[in-house]
Amino acid sequence: MSYDDVEIEDMEWNSELQAYTYPCPCGDLFQITKDELKLGEEIARCPSCSLYITVIYNLDDFLADSKTNNNDNTPTQPIAVA
């Protein structure tokens, strides 16, 4: 069972770790990356202990962010499929 349910808005973005973080009772941080969130992952784990939290977020927010970041107006080349 999850230690707690935490809204993504209550987590902090850590640019050094490239992950959303939330304080763990052991003194370390629960961590989850944007890539994990885009894949639908909702569990943030603490690297120092066995605790984990369930992250509550809207998957569409991260998928929409991914689409905007990939839209760099570079023309795409067709790929031949054999």
N, C-alpha and C. Protein backbone atom coordinates (compact mmCIF):
# COMPACT_ATOMS: atom_id res chain seq x y z
N MET A 1 0.83 -1.17 0.00
CA MET A 1 0.00 0.00 0.00
C MET A 1 0.88 1.24 0.00
N SER A 2 0.42 2.25 -0.70
CA SER A 2 1.13 3.51 -0.83
C SER A 2 1.18 4.24 0.51
N TYR A 3 2.31 4.89 0.77
CA TYR A 3 2.47 5.67 2.00
C TYR A 3 1.47 6.83 2.03
N ASP A 4 1.24 7.45 0.86
CA ASP A 4 0.35 8.62 0.79
C ASP A 4 -0.04 8.85 -0.66
N ASP A 5 -1.12 9.59 -0.87
CA ASP A 5 -1.52 10.08 -2.18
C ASP A 5 -1.17 11.56 -2.23
N VAL A 6 -0.42 11.97 -3.26
CA VAL A 6 0.07 13.35 -3.34
C VAL A 6 -0.26 13.92 -4.71
N GLU A 7 -0.85 15.10 -4.74
CA GLU A 7 -1.15 15.81 -5.99
C GLU A 7 0.17 16.29 -6.60
N ILE A 8 0.27 16.23 -7.92
CA ILE A 8 1.48 16.67 -8.61
C ILE A 8 1.78 18.14 -8.29
N GLU A 9 0.73 18.92 -8.06
CA GLU A 9 0.91 20.34 -7.73
C GLU A 9 1.61 20.54 -6.38
N ASP A 10 1.56 19.53 -5.52
CA ASP A 10 2.21 19.61 -4.21
C ASP A 10 3.67 19.15 -4.26
N MET A 11 4.10 18.64 -5.41
CA MET A 11 5.47 18.19 -5.57
C MET A 11 6.31 19.33 -6.16
N GLU A 12 7.62 19.24 -6.03
CA GLU A 12 8.52 20.26 -6.57
C GLU A 12 9.31 19.68 -7.73
N TRP A 13 9.53 20.51 -8.78
CA TRP A 13 10.39 20.08 -9.88
C TRP A 13 11.84 20.31 -9.45
N ASN A 14 12.65 19.27 -9.54
CA ASN A 14 14.06 19.35 -9.20
C ASN A 14 14.84 19.24 -10.50
N SER A 15 15.41 20.36 -10.97
CA SER A 15 16.10 20.36 -12.26
C SER A 15 17.39 19.54 -12.22
N GLU A 16 18.00 19.44 -11.06
CA GLU A 16 19.22 18.63 -10.93
C GLU A 16 18.91 17.15 -11.13
N LEU A 17 17.83 16.68 -10.52
CA LEU A 17 17.42 15.28 -10.65
C LEU A 17 16.58 15.04 -11.90
N GLN A 18 16.08 16.13 -12.51
CA GLN A 18 15.14 16.04 -13.64
C GLN A 18 13.94 15.19 -13.25
N ALA A 19 13.38 15.49 -12.06
CA ALA A 19 12.26 14.73 -11.53
C ALA A 19 11.43 15.59 -10.61
N TYR A 20 10.15 15.22 -10.47
CA TYR A 20 9.31 15.82 -9.44
C TYR A 20 9.66 15.11 -8.14
N THR A 21 9.73 15.88 -7.06
CA THR A 21 10.12 15.32 -5.77
C THR A 21 9.15 15.71 -4.67
N TYR A 22 9.16 14.91 -3.61
CA TYR A 22 8.32 15.16 -2.44
C TYR A 22 9.07 14.58 -1.24
N PRO A 23 9.09 15.29 -0.11
CA PRO A 23 9.85 14.81 1.04
C PRO A 23 9.36 13.45 1.57
N CYS A 24 10.32 12.58 1.83
CA CYS A 24 10.04 11.27 2.42
C CYS A 24 10.34 11.36 3.92
N PRO A 25 9.59 10.64 4.75
CA PRO A 25 9.85 10.67 6.19
C PRO A 25 11.26 10.23 6.57
N CYS A 26 11.94 9.45 5.70
CA CYS A 26 13.30 8.99 6.02
C CYS A 26 14.33 10.11 5.85
N GLY A 27 13.92 11.23 5.25
CA GLY A 27 14.85 12.34 5.04
C GLY A 27 15.26 12.51 3.59
N ASP A 28 15.01 11.53 2.75
CA ASP A 28 15.32 11.63 1.32
C ASP A 28 14.10 12.18 0.59
N LEU A 29 14.03 11.97 -0.72
CA LEU A 29 12.92 12.49 -1.53
C LEU A 29 12.30 11.39 -2.38
N PHE A 30 10.97 11.35 -2.41
CA PHE A 30 10.27 10.54 -3.41
C PHE A 30 10.56 11.21 -4.75
N GLN A 31 10.71 10.41 -5.81
CA GLN A 31 11.04 10.95 -7.12
C GLN A 31 10.24 10.28 -8.23
N ILE A 32 9.83 11.10 -9.23
CA ILE A 32 9.21 10.56 -10.44
C ILE A 32 9.54 11.52 -11.58
N THR A 33 9.95 10.98 -12.73
CA THR A 33 10.36 11.81 -13.86
C THR A 33 9.17 12.13 -14.77
N LYS A 34 9.36 13.13 -15.63
CA LYS A 34 8.32 13.47 -16.60
C LYS A 34 8.09 12.31 -17.56
N ASP A 35 9.16 11.63 -17.95
CA ASP A 35 9.01 10.49 -18.86
C ASP A 35 8.17 9.39 -18.23
N GLU A 36 8.37 9.14 -16.95
CA GLU A 36 7.56 8.13 -16.25
C GLU A 36 6.10 8.56 -16.22
N LEU A 37 5.86 9.84 -15.96
CA LEU A 37 4.48 10.35 -15.93
C LEU A 37 3.83 10.23 -17.30
N LYS A 38 4.58 10.52 -18.37
CA LYS A 38 4.04 10.42 -19.73
C LYS A 38 3.66 8.99 -20.07
N LEU A 39 4.35 8.02 -19.45
CA LEU A 39 4.04 6.61 -19.68
C LEU A 39 2.88 6.12 -18.82
N GLY A 40 2.34 7.02 -17.99
CA GLY A 40 1.21 6.65 -17.15
C GLY A 40 1.59 6.16 -15.76
N GLU A 41 2.87 6.21 -15.44
CA GLU A 41 3.33 5.79 -14.11
C GLU A 41 2.77 6.74 -13.06
N GLU A 42 2.35 6.20 -11.94
CA GLU A 42 1.81 7.05 -10.87
C GLU A 42 2.47 6.80 -9.52
N ILE A 43 3.52 5.99 -9.52
CA ILE A 43 4.22 5.68 -8.28
C ILE A 43 5.56 6.41 -8.24
N ALA A 44 5.76 7.23 -7.20
CA ALA A 44 7.04 7.89 -6.96
C ALA A 44 7.72 7.15 -5.81
N ARG A 45 8.95 6.74 -6.04
CA ARG A 45 9.67 5.93 -5.05
C ARG A 45 10.76 6.73 -4.37
N CYS A 46 11.06 6.31 -3.16
CA CYS A 46 12.18 6.88 -2.43
C CYS A 46 13.38 5.98 -2.68
N PRO A 47 14.52 6.55 -3.10
CA PRO A 47 15.69 5.71 -3.36
C PRO A 47 16.38 5.20 -2.10
N SER A 48 16.02 5.75 -0.93
CA SER A 48 16.71 5.37 0.31
C SER A 48 15.95 4.40 1.20
N CYS A 49 14.67 4.22 0.94
CA CYS A 49 13.89 3.31 1.78
C CYS A 49 12.85 2.61 0.92
N SER A 50 11.98 1.86 1.53
CA SER A 50 11.01 1.08 0.76
C SER A 50 9.67 1.79 0.55
N LEU A 51 9.56 3.03 1.02
CA LEU A 51 8.29 3.74 0.88
C LEU A 51 8.09 4.26 -0.54
N TYR A 52 6.82 4.40 -0.91
CA TYR A 52 6.46 5.02 -2.18
C TYR A 52 5.13 5.73 -2.01
N ILE A 53 4.87 6.70 -2.90
CA ILE A 53 3.62 7.45 -2.88
C ILE A 53 2.92 7.31 -4.22
N THR A 54 1.63 7.52 -4.20
CA THR A 54 0.85 7.55 -5.43
C THR A 54 0.70 9.02 -5.84
N VAL A 55 1.11 9.33 -7.07
CA VAL A 55 1.04 10.70 -7.57
C VAL A 55 -0.27 10.86 -8.32
N ILE A 56 -1.03 11.88 -7.94
CA ILE A 56 -2.30 12.16 -8.59
C ILE A 56 -2.07 13.29 -9.59
N TYR A 57 -2.32 12.99 -10.86
CA TYR A 57 -2.08 13.97 -11.92
C TYR A 57 -2.94 13.64 -13.12
N ASN A 58 -3.03 14.58 -14.05
CA ASN A 58 -3.79 14.40 -15.27
C ASN A 58 -2.81 14.01 -16.38
N LEU A 59 -2.87 12.79 -16.84
CA LEU A 59 -1.96 12.29 -17.87
C LEU A 59 -2.00 13.17 -19.12
N ASP A 60 -3.16 13.68 -19.48
CA ASP A 60 -3.29 14.51 -20.68
C ASP A 60 -2.42 15.76 -20.60
N ASP A 61 -2.20 16.30 -19.41
CA ASP A 61 -1.33 17.47 -19.25
C ASP A 61 0.09 17.16 -19.71
N PHE A 62 0.57 15.97 -19.41
CA PHE A 62 1.94 15.60 -19.77
C PHE A 62 2.03 15.17 -21.22
N LEU A 63 0.98 14.57 -21.75
CA LEU A 63 0.99 14.20 -23.16
C LEU A 63 0.90 15.45 -24.03
N ALA A 64 0.11 16.43 -23.63
CA ALA A 64 0.00 17.68 -24.37
C ALA A 64 1.33 18.43 -24.35
N ASP A 65 2.02 18.42 -23.19
CA ASP A 65 3.33 19.06 -23.07
C ASP A 65 4.32 18.40 -24.01
N SER A 66 4.25 17.10 -24.13
CA SER A 66 5.14 16.34 -25.01
C SER A 66 4.90 16.72 -26.47
N LYS A 67 3.64 16.89 -26.85
CA LYS A 67 3.32 17.25 -28.23
C LYS A 67 3.81 18.64 -28.57
N THR A 68 3.69 19.59 -27.64
CA THR A 68 4.16 20.95 -27.89
C THR A 68 5.67 21.00 -27.99
N ASN A 69 6.36 20.23 -27.19
CA ASN A 69 7.82 20.22 -27.24
C ASN A 69 8.34 19.58 -28.52
N ASN A 70 7.59 18.66 -29.09
CA ASN A 70 8.03 17.99 -30.31
C ASN A 70 7.65 18.77 -31.56
N ASN A 71 6.89 19.83 -31.43
CA ASN A 71 6.45 20.62 -32.57
C ASN A 71 7.46 21.74 -32.82
N ASP A 72 8.57 21.41 -33.47
CA ASP A 72 9.61 22.40 -33.71
C ASP A 72 9.62 22.88 -35.16
N ASN A 73 8.51 22.63 -35.89
CA ASN A 73 8.33 23.05 -37.26
C ASN A 73 9.37 22.49 -38.21
N THR A 74 10.02 21.41 -37.86
CA THR A 74 10.95 20.74 -38.75
C THR A 74 10.15 19.80 -39.63
N PRO A 75 10.32 19.94 -40.95
CA PRO A 75 9.57 19.04 -41.83
C PRO A 75 9.99 17.59 -41.60
N THR A 76 9.01 16.72 -41.63
CA THR A 76 9.31 15.30 -41.43
C THR A 76 9.48 14.63 -42.79
N GLN A 77 10.35 13.67 -42.85
CA GLN A 77 10.59 12.93 -44.07
C GLN A 77 9.75 11.65 -44.05
N PRO A 78 9.13 11.30 -45.17
CA PRO A 78 8.40 10.03 -45.22
C PRO A 78 9.37 8.87 -45.08
N ILE A 79 8.92 7.82 -44.44
CA ILE A 79 9.73 6.63 -44.25
C ILE A 79 9.14 5.50 -45.07
N ALA A 80 9.98 4.89 -45.90
CA ALA A 80 9.53 3.76 -46.73
C ALA A 80 9.46 2.52 -45.85
N VAL A 81 8.33 1.83 -45.95
CA VAL A 81 8.15 0.59 -45.18
C VAL A 81 8.12 -0.56 -46.16
N ALA A 82 8.98 -1.51 -45.94
CA ALA A 82 9.07 -2.66 -46.86
C ALA A 82 8.14 -3.77 -46.45
